[in-house]
Amino acid sequence: LLCFMLGRYAGTLLMRKIAPRLLLMIYSGAC
């Protein structure tokens, strides 16, 4: 669950450069 929290912060930062839809596609594929 610490990884979950860190993922939220990292995702918030990444969304400044990557569109949310694209990031969702990459992350769900990784899962």
PDB file of all heavy atoms in Angstrom:
ATOM      1  N   LEU A   1       0.810  -1.209   0.000  1.00  0.00           N
ATOM      2  CA  LEU A   1       0.000   0.000   0.000  1.00  0.00           C
ATOM      3  C   LEU A   1       0.850   1.268   0.000  1.00  0.00           C
ATOM      4  O   LEU A   1       0.391   2.332  -0.412  1.00  0.00           O
ATOM      5  CB  LEU A   1      -0.967  -0.032   1.185  1.00  0.00           C
ATOM      6  CG  LEU A   1      -1.960  -1.207   1.098  1.00  0.00           C
ATOM      7  CD1 LEU A   1      -2.792  -1.318   2.355  1.00  0.00           C
ATOM      8  CD2 LEU A   1      -2.863  -1.070  -0.122  1.00  0.00           C
ATOM      9  N   LEU A   2       2.109   1.157   0.438  1.00  0.00           N
ATOM     10  CA  LEU A   2       3.042   2.266   0.274  1.00  0.00           C
ATOM     11  C   LEU A   2       3.319   2.483  -1.216  1.00  0.00           C
ATOM     12  O   LEU A   2       3.379   3.630  -1.678  1.00  0.00           O
ATOM     13  CB  LEU A   2       4.347   1.979   1.018  1.00  0.00           C
ATOM     14  CG  LEU A   2       5.447   3.038   0.863  1.00  0.00           C
ATOM     15  CD1 LEU A   2       4.987   4.385   1.423  1.00  0.00           C
ATOM     16  CD2 LEU A   2       6.726   2.579   1.576  1.00  0.00           C
ATOM     17  N   CYS A   3       3.452   1.382  -1.956  1.00  0.00           N
ATOM     18  CA  CYS A   3       3.630   1.496  -3.412  1.00  0.00           C
ATOM     19  C   CYS A   3       2.426   2.174  -4.048  1.00  0.00           C
ATOM     20  O   CYS A   3       2.569   2.954  -4.999  1.00  0.00           O
ATOM     21  CB  CYS A   3       3.840   0.110  -4.026  1.00  0.00           C
ATOM     22  SG  CYS A   3       5.442  -0.624  -3.671  1.00  0.00           S
ATOM     23  N   PHE A   4       1.248   1.882  -3.530  1.00  0.00           N
ATOM     24  CA  PHE A   4       0.028   2.517  -4.026  1.00  0.00           C
ATOM     25  C   PHE A   4       0.095   4.029  -3.820  1.00  0.00           C
ATOM     26  O   PHE A   4      -0.202   4.811  -4.721  1.00  0.00           O
ATOM     27  CB  PHE A   4      -1.173   1.925  -3.297  1.00  0.00           C
ATOM     28  CG  PHE A   4      -2.506   2.393  -3.810  1.00  0.00           C
ATOM     29  CD1 PHE A   4      -3.088   1.780  -4.906  1.00  0.00           C
ATOM     30  CD2 PHE A   4      -3.190   3.425  -3.192  1.00  0.00           C
ATOM     31  CE1 PHE A   4      -4.321   2.200  -5.388  1.00  0.00           C
ATOM     32  CE2 PHE A   4      -4.420   3.847  -3.662  1.00  0.00           C
ATOM     33  CZ  PHE A   4      -4.991   3.233  -4.761  1.00  0.00           C
ATOM     34  N   MET A   5       0.503   4.454  -2.615  1.00  0.00           N
ATOM     35  CA  MET A   5       0.612   5.876  -2.319  1.00  0.00           C
ATOM     36  C   MET A   5       1.659   6.548  -3.203  1.00  0.00           C
ATOM     37  O   MET A   5       1.418   7.617  -3.780  1.00  0.00           O
ATOM     38  CB  MET A   5       0.958   6.085  -0.840  1.00  0.00           C
ATOM     39  CG  MET A   5       1.103   7.548  -0.430  1.00  0.00           C
ATOM     40  SD  MET A   5       1.578   7.757   1.299  1.00  0.00           S
ATOM     41  CE  MET A   5       3.258   7.130   1.270  1.00  0.00           C
ATOM     42  N   LEU A   6       2.841   5.919  -3.337  1.00  0.00           N
ATOM     43  CA  LEU A   6       3.892   6.497  -4.170  1.00  0.00           C
ATOM     44  C   LEU A   6       3.458   6.571  -5.633  1.00  0.00           C
ATOM     45  O   LEU A   6       3.783   7.520  -6.346  1.00  0.00           O
ATOM     46  CB  LEU A   6       5.170   5.664  -4.044  1.00  0.00           C
ATOM     47  CG  LEU A   6       5.834   5.660  -2.658  1.00  0.00           C
ATOM     48  CD1 LEU A   6       7.019   4.712  -2.637  1.00  0.00           C
ATOM     49  CD2 LEU A   6       6.257   7.070  -2.260  1.00  0.00           C
ATOM     50  N   GLY A   7       2.691   5.571  -6.069  1.00  0.00           N
ATOM     51  CA  GLY A   7       2.184   5.583  -7.437  1.00  0.00           C
ATOM     52  C   GLY A   7       1.265   6.755  -7.692  1.00  0.00           C
ATOM     53  O   GLY A   7       1.270   7.341  -8.781  1.00  0.00           O
ATOM     54  N   ARG A   8       0.449   7.128  -6.691  1.00  0.00           N
ATOM     55  CA  ARG A   8      -0.443   8.274  -6.844  1.00  0.00           C
ATOM     56  C   ARG A   8       0.352   9.562  -7.036  1.00  0.00           C
ATOM     57  O   ARG A   8       0.047  10.380  -7.899  1.00  0.00           O
ATOM     58  CB  ARG A   8      -1.342   8.393  -5.609  1.00  0.00           C
ATOM     59  CG  ARG A   8      -2.540   7.455  -5.647  1.00  0.00           C
ATOM     60  CD  ARG A   8      -3.741   8.128  -6.302  1.00  0.00           C
ATOM     61  NE  ARG A   8      -4.767   7.148  -6.634  1.00  0.00           N
ATOM     62  CZ  ARG A   8      -5.695   6.727  -5.790  1.00  0.00           C
ATOM     63  NH1 ARG A   8      -5.707   7.176  -4.555  1.00  0.00           N
ATOM     64  NH2 ARG A   8      -6.599   5.862  -6.182  1.00  0.00           N
ATOM     65  N   TYR A   9       1.371   9.764  -6.203  1.00  0.00           N
ATOM     66  CA  TYR A   9       2.185  10.977  -6.328  1.00  0.00           C
ATOM     67  C   TYR A   9       2.931  11.001  -7.663  1.00  0.00           C
ATOM     68  O   TYR A   9       2.988  12.036  -8.336  1.00  0.00           O
ATOM     69  CB  TYR A   9       3.181  11.068  -5.167  1.00  0.00           C
ATOM     70  CG  TYR A   9       2.553  11.459  -3.858  1.00  0.00           C
ATOM     71  CD1 TYR A   9       2.588  10.607  -2.761  1.00  0.00           C
ATOM     72  CD2 TYR A   9       1.925  12.696  -3.696  1.00  0.00           C
ATOM     73  CE1 TYR A   9       2.012  10.963  -1.552  1.00  0.00           C
ATOM     74  CE2 TYR A   9       1.349  13.064  -2.499  1.00  0.00           C
ATOM     75  CZ  TYR A   9       1.393  12.193  -1.424  1.00  0.00           C
ATOM     76  OH  TYR A   9       0.828  12.550  -0.229  1.00  0.00           O
ATOM     77  N   ALA A  10       3.507   9.849  -8.034  1.00  0.00           N
ATOM     78  CA  ALA A  10       4.234   9.786  -9.306  1.00  0.00           C
ATOM     79  C   ALA A  10       3.292  10.037 -10.476  1.00  0.00           C
ATOM     80  O   ALA A  10       3.629  10.749 -11.424  1.00  0.00           O
ATOM     81  CB  ALA A  10       4.909   8.421  -9.448  1.00  0.00           C
ATOM     82  N   GLY A  11       2.087   9.464 -10.393  1.00  0.00           N
ATOM     83  CA  GLY A  11       1.118   9.657 -11.464  1.00  0.00           C
ATOM     84  C   GLY A  11       0.690  11.103 -11.607  1.00  0.00           C
ATOM     85  O   GLY A  11       0.517  11.616 -12.721  1.00  0.00           O
ATOM     86  N   THR A  12       0.524  11.785 -10.465  1.00  0.00           N
ATOM     87  CA  THR A  12       0.155  13.208 -10.489  1.00  0.00           C
ATOM     88  C   THR A  12       1.222  14.030 -11.204  1.00  0.00           C
ATOM     89  O   THR A  12       0.914  14.932 -11.989  1.00  0.00           O
ATOM     90  CB  THR A  12      -0.042  13.734  -9.055  1.00  0.00           C
ATOM     91  OG1 THR A  12      -1.045  12.943  -8.401  1.00  0.00           O
ATOM     92  CG2 THR A  12      -0.484  15.186  -9.071  1.00  0.00           C
ATOM     93  N   LEU A  13       2.485  13.694 -10.945  1.00  0.00           N
ATOM     94  CA  LEU A  13       3.577  14.409 -11.609  1.00  0.00           C
ATOM     95  C   LEU A  13       3.642  14.075 -13.095  1.00  0.00           C
ATOM     96  O   LEU A  13       3.835  14.956 -13.938  1.00  0.00           O
ATOM     97  CB  LEU A  13       4.912  14.062 -10.932  1.00  0.00           C
ATOM     98  CG  LEU A  13       5.086  14.558  -9.488  1.00  0.00           C
ATOM     99  CD1 LEU A  13       6.383  14.013  -8.896  1.00  0.00           C
ATOM    100  CD2 LEU A  13       5.089  16.082  -9.443  1.00  0.00           C
ATOM    101  N   LEU A  14       3.476  12.807 -13.424  1.00  0.00           N
ATOM    102  CA  LEU A  14       3.563  12.392 -14.825  1.00  0.00           C
ATOM    103  C   LEU A  14       2.465  12.997 -15.679  1.00  0.00           C
ATOM    104  O   LEU A  14       2.650  13.244 -16.872  1.00  0.00           O
ATOM    105  CB  LEU A  14       3.510  10.861 -14.919  1.00  0.00           C
ATOM    106  CG  LEU A  14       4.767  10.107 -14.474  1.00  0.00           C
ATOM    107  CD1 LEU A  14       4.514   8.612 -14.443  1.00  0.00           C
ATOM    108  CD2 LEU A  14       5.946  10.430 -15.402  1.00  0.00           C
ATOM    109  N   MET A  15       1.298  13.256 -15.046  1.00  0.00           N
ATOM    110  CA  MET A  15       0.185  13.818 -15.809  1.00  0.00           C
ATOM    111  C   MET A  15       0.429  15.254 -16.254  1.00  0.00           C
ATOM    112  O   MET A  15      -0.329  15.795 -17.052  1.00  0.00           O
ATOM    113  CB  MET A  15      -1.103  13.727 -14.997  1.00  0.00           C
ATOM    114  CG  MET A  15      -1.695  12.350 -14.993  1.00  0.00           C
ATOM    115  SD  MET A  15      -3.243  12.270 -14.071  1.00  0.00           S
ATOM    116  CE  MET A  15      -3.483  10.496 -14.016  1.00  0.00           C
ATOM    117  N   ARG A  16       1.479  15.859 -15.740  1.00  0.00           N
ATOM    118  CA  ARG A  16       1.860  17.179 -16.240  1.00  0.00           C
ATOM    119  C   ARG A  16       2.447  17.082 -17.647  1.00  0.00           C
ATOM    120  O   ARG A  16       2.439  18.053 -18.394  1.00  0.00           O
ATOM    121  CB  ARG A  16       2.878  17.826 -15.295  1.00  0.00           C
ATOM    122  CG  ARG A  16       2.329  18.137 -13.907  1.00  0.00           C
ATOM    123  CD  ARG A  16       3.391  18.771 -13.034  1.00  0.00           C
ATOM    124  NE  ARG A  16       2.872  19.109 -11.711  1.00  0.00           N
ATOM    125  CZ  ARG A  16       3.589  19.661 -10.747  1.00  0.00           C
ATOM    126  NH1 ARG A  16       4.877  19.950 -10.959  1.00  0.00           N
ATOM    127  NH2 ARG A  16       3.041  19.924  -9.579  1.00  0.00           N
ATOM    128  N   LYS A  17       2.980  15.906 -17.978  1.00  0.00           N
ATOM    129  CA  LYS A  17       3.629  15.706 -19.282  1.00  0.00           C
ATOM    130  C   LYS A  17       2.878  14.715 -20.168  1.00  0.00           C
ATOM    131  O   LYS A  17       3.002  14.762 -21.394  1.00  0.00           O
ATOM    132  CB  LYS A  17       5.065  15.194 -19.070  1.00  0.00           C
ATOM    133  CG  LYS A  17       5.946  16.108 -18.232  1.00  0.00           C
ATOM    134  CD  LYS A  17       6.239  17.418 -18.959  1.00  0.00           C
ATOM    135  CE  LYS A  17       7.201  18.283 -18.141  1.00  0.00           C
ATOM    136  NZ  LYS A  17       7.481  19.576 -18.826  1.00  0.00           N
ATOM    137  N   ILE A  18       2.136  13.797 -19.539  1.00  0.00           N
ATOM    138  CA  ILE A  18       1.464  12.729 -20.287  1.00  0.00           C
ATOM    139  C   ILE A  18      -0.040  12.850 -20.089  1.00  0.00           C
ATOM    140  O   ILE A  18      -0.514  13.036 -18.966  1.00  0.00           O
ATOM    141  CB  ILE A  18       1.948  11.342 -19.815  1.00  0.00           C
ATOM    142  CG1 ILE A  18       3.467  11.225 -19.937  1.00  0.00           C
ATOM    143  CG2 ILE A  18       1.264  10.225 -20.613  1.00  0.00           C
ATOM    144  CD1 ILE A  18       4.035   9.942 -19.349  1.00  0.00           C
ATOM    145  N   ALA A  19      -0.799  12.733 -21.162  1.00  0.00           N
ATOM    146  CA  ALA A  19      -2.252  12.816 -21.072  1.00  0.00           C
ATOM    147  C   ALA A  19      -2.793  11.703 -20.169  1.00  0.00           C
ATOM    148  O   ALA A  19      -2.319  10.560 -20.240  1.00  0.00           O
ATOM    149  CB  ALA A  19      -2.869  12.687 -22.462  1.00  0.00           C
ATOM    150  N   PRO A  20      -3.763  12.022 -19.291  1.00  0.00           N
ATOM    151  CA  PRO A  20      -4.303  11.011 -18.371  1.00  0.00           C
ATOM    152  C   PRO A  20      -4.763   9.735 -19.072  1.00  0.00           C
ATOM    153  O   PRO A  20      -4.534   8.630 -18.582  1.00  0.00           O
ATOM    154  CB  PRO A  20      -5.472  11.739 -17.696  1.00  0.00           C
ATOM    155  CG  PRO A  20      -5.081  13.178 -17.735  1.00  0.00           C
ATOM    156  CD  PRO A  20      -4.354  13.350 -19.040  1.00  0.00           C
ATOM    157  N   ARG A  21      -5.416   9.888 -20.230  1.00  0.00           N
ATOM    158  CA  ARG A  21      -5.911   8.714 -20.958  1.00  0.00           C
ATOM    159  C   ARG A  21      -4.755   7.807 -21.381  1.00  0.00           C
ATOM    160  O   ARG A  21      -4.835   6.575 -21.257  1.00  0.00           O
ATOM    161  CB  ARG A  21      -6.712   9.169 -22.179  1.00  0.00           C
ATOM    162  CG  ARG A  21      -7.166   8.028 -23.087  1.00  0.00           C
ATOM    163  CD  ARG A  21      -8.015   8.569 -24.228  1.00  0.00           C
ATOM    164  NE  ARG A  21      -8.353   7.524 -25.183  1.00  0.00           N
ATOM    165  CZ  ARG A  21      -7.660   7.256 -26.271  1.00  0.00           C
ATOM    166  NH1 ARG A  21      -6.553   7.956 -26.540  1.00  0.00           N
ATOM    167  NH2 ARG A  21      -8.030   6.292 -27.091  1.00  0.00           N
ATOM    168  N   LEU A  22      -3.676   8.379 -21.882  1.00  0.00           N
ATOM    169  CA  LEU A  22      -2.527   7.593 -22.321  1.00  0.00           C
ATOM    170  C   LEU A  22      -1.857   6.914 -21.134  1.00  0.00           C
ATOM    171  O   LEU A  22      -1.460   5.738 -21.207  1.00  0.00           O
ATOM    172  CB  LEU A  22      -1.525   8.491 -23.052  1.00  0.00           C
ATOM    173  CG  LEU A  22      -0.224   7.817 -23.523  1.00  0.00           C
ATOM    174  CD1 LEU A  22      -0.532   6.654 -24.464  1.00  0.00           C
ATOM    175  CD2 LEU A  22       0.688   8.832 -24.199  1.00  0.00           C
ATOM    176  N   LEU A  23      -1.733   7.645 -20.025  1.00  0.00           N
ATOM    177  CA  LEU A  23      -1.110   7.069 -18.840  1.00  0.00           C
ATOM    178  C   LEU A  23      -1.955   5.915 -18.302  1.00  0.00           C
ATOM    179  O   LEU A  23      -1.408   4.884 -17.869  1.00  0.00           O
ATOM    180  CB  LEU A  23      -0.947   8.148 -17.766  1.00  0.00           C
ATOM    181  CG  LEU A  23       0.044   7.829 -16.641  1.00  0.00           C
ATOM    182  CD1 LEU A  23       1.458   7.659 -17.196  1.00  0.00           C
ATOM    183  CD2 LEU A  23       0.032   8.935 -15.581  1.00  0.00           C
ATOM    184  N   LEU A  24      -3.279   6.063 -18.330  1.00  0.00           N
ATOM    185  CA  LEU A  24      -4.167   4.990 -17.899  1.00  0.00           C
ATOM    186  C   LEU A  24      -3.975   3.750 -18.768  1.00  0.00           C
ATOM    187  O   LEU A  24      -3.967   2.617 -18.268  1.00  0.00           O
ATOM    188  CB  LEU A  24      -5.624   5.463 -17.960  1.00  0.00           C
ATOM    189  CG  LEU A  24      -6.694   4.450 -17.548  1.00  0.00           C
ATOM    190  CD1 LEU A  24      -6.544   4.072 -16.081  1.00  0.00           C
ATOM    191  CD2 LEU A  24      -8.092   5.017 -17.814  1.00  0.00           C
ATOM    192  N   MET A  25      -3.793   3.947 -20.057  1.00  0.00           N
ATOM    193  CA  MET A  25      -3.597   2.826 -20.974  1.00  0.00           C
ATOM    194  C   MET A  25      -2.270   2.113 -20.685  1.00  0.00           C
ATOM    195  O   MET A  25      -2.214   0.874 -20.629  1.00  0.00           O
ATOM    196  CB  MET A  25      -3.632   3.338 -22.421  1.00  0.00           C
ATOM    197  CG  MET A  25      -3.621   2.246 -23.465  1.00  0.00           C
ATOM    198  SD  MET A  25      -4.193   2.825 -25.088  1.00  0.00           S
ATOM    199  CE  MET A  25      -3.096   4.219 -25.372  1.00  0.00           C
ATOM    200  N   ILE A  26      -1.214   2.871 -20.447  1.00  0.00           N
ATOM    201  CA  ILE A  26       0.102   2.283 -20.162  1.00  0.00           C
ATOM    202  C   ILE A  26       0.065   1.510 -18.846  1.00  0.00           C
ATOM    203  O   ILE A  26       0.541   0.370 -18.745  1.00  0.00           O
ATOM    204  CB  ILE A  26       1.185   3.377 -20.122  1.00  0.00           C
ATOM    205  CG1 ILE A  26       1.363   4.006 -21.510  1.00  0.00           C
ATOM    206  CG2 ILE A  26       2.511   2.801 -19.628  1.00  0.00           C
ATOM    207  CD1 ILE A  26       2.224   5.259 -21.501  1.00  0.00           C
ATOM    208  N   TYR A  27      -0.522   2.129 -17.831  1.00  0.00           N
ATOM    209  CA  TYR A  27      -0.534   1.523 -16.494  1.00  0.00           C
ATOM    210  C   TYR A  27      -1.397   0.265 -16.445  1.00  0.00           C
ATOM    211  O   TYR A  27      -1.020  -0.733 -15.809  1.00  0.00           O
ATOM    212  CB  TYR A  27      -1.027   2.537 -15.474  1.00  0.00           C
ATOM    213  CG  TYR A  27       0.055   3.453 -14.932  1.00  0.00           C
ATOM    214  CD1 TYR A  27       1.204   3.719 -15.667  1.00  0.00           C
ATOM    215  CD2 TYR A  27      -0.079   4.062 -13.683  1.00  0.00           C
ATOM    216  CE1 TYR A  27       2.188   4.556 -15.174  1.00  0.00           C
ATOM    217  CE2 TYR A  27       0.897   4.892 -13.177  1.00  0.00           C
ATOM    218  CZ  TYR A  27       2.037   5.141 -13.925  1.00  0.00           C
ATOM    219  OH  TYR A  27       3.017   5.969 -13.441  1.00  0.00           O
ATOM    220  N   SER A  28      -2.558   0.290 -17.092  1.00  0.00           N
ATOM    221  CA  SER A  28      -3.415  -0.895 -17.070  1.00  0.00           C
ATOM    222  C   SER A  28      -2.777  -2.043 -17.842  1.00  0.00           C
ATOM    223  O   SER A  28      -2.877  -3.213 -17.448  1.00  0.00           O
ATOM    224  CB  SER A  28      -4.808  -0.570 -17.623  1.00  0.00           C
ATOM    225  OG  SER A  28      -4.720   0.008 -18.917  1.00  0.00           O
ATOM    226  N   GLY A  29      -2.082  -1.728 -18.944  1.00  0.00           N
ATOM    227  CA  GLY A  29      -1.352  -2.750 -19.684  1.00  0.00           C
ATOM    228  C   GLY A  29      -0.256  -3.383 -18.840  1.00  0.00           C
ATOM    229  O   GLY A  29      -0.050  -4.606 -18.867  1.00  0.00           O
ATOM    230  N   ALA A  30       0.449  -2.562 -18.060  1.00  0.00           N
ATOM    231  CA  ALA A  30       1.499  -3.073 -17.175  1.00  0.00           C
ATOM    232  C   ALA A  30       0.906  -4.017 -16.132  1.00  0.00           C
ATOM    233  O   ALA A  30       1.494  -5.065 -15.816  1.00  0.00           O
ATOM    234  CB  ALA A  30       2.214  -1.908 -16.494  1.00  0.00           C
ATOM    235  N   CYS A  31      -0.275  -3.681 -15.592  1.00  0.00           N
ATOM    236  CA  CYS A  31      -0.916  -4.532 -14.585  1.00  0.00           C
ATOM    237  C   CYS A  31      -1.289  -5.894 -15.167  1.00  0.00           C
ATOM    238  O   CYS A  31      -1.133  -6.928 -14.497  1.00  0.00           O
ATOM    239  CB  CYS A  31      -2.164  -3.842 -14.034  1.00  0.00           C
ATOM    240  SG  CYS A  31      -1.810  -2.447 -12.952  1.00  0.00           S
TER     241      CYS A  31
END
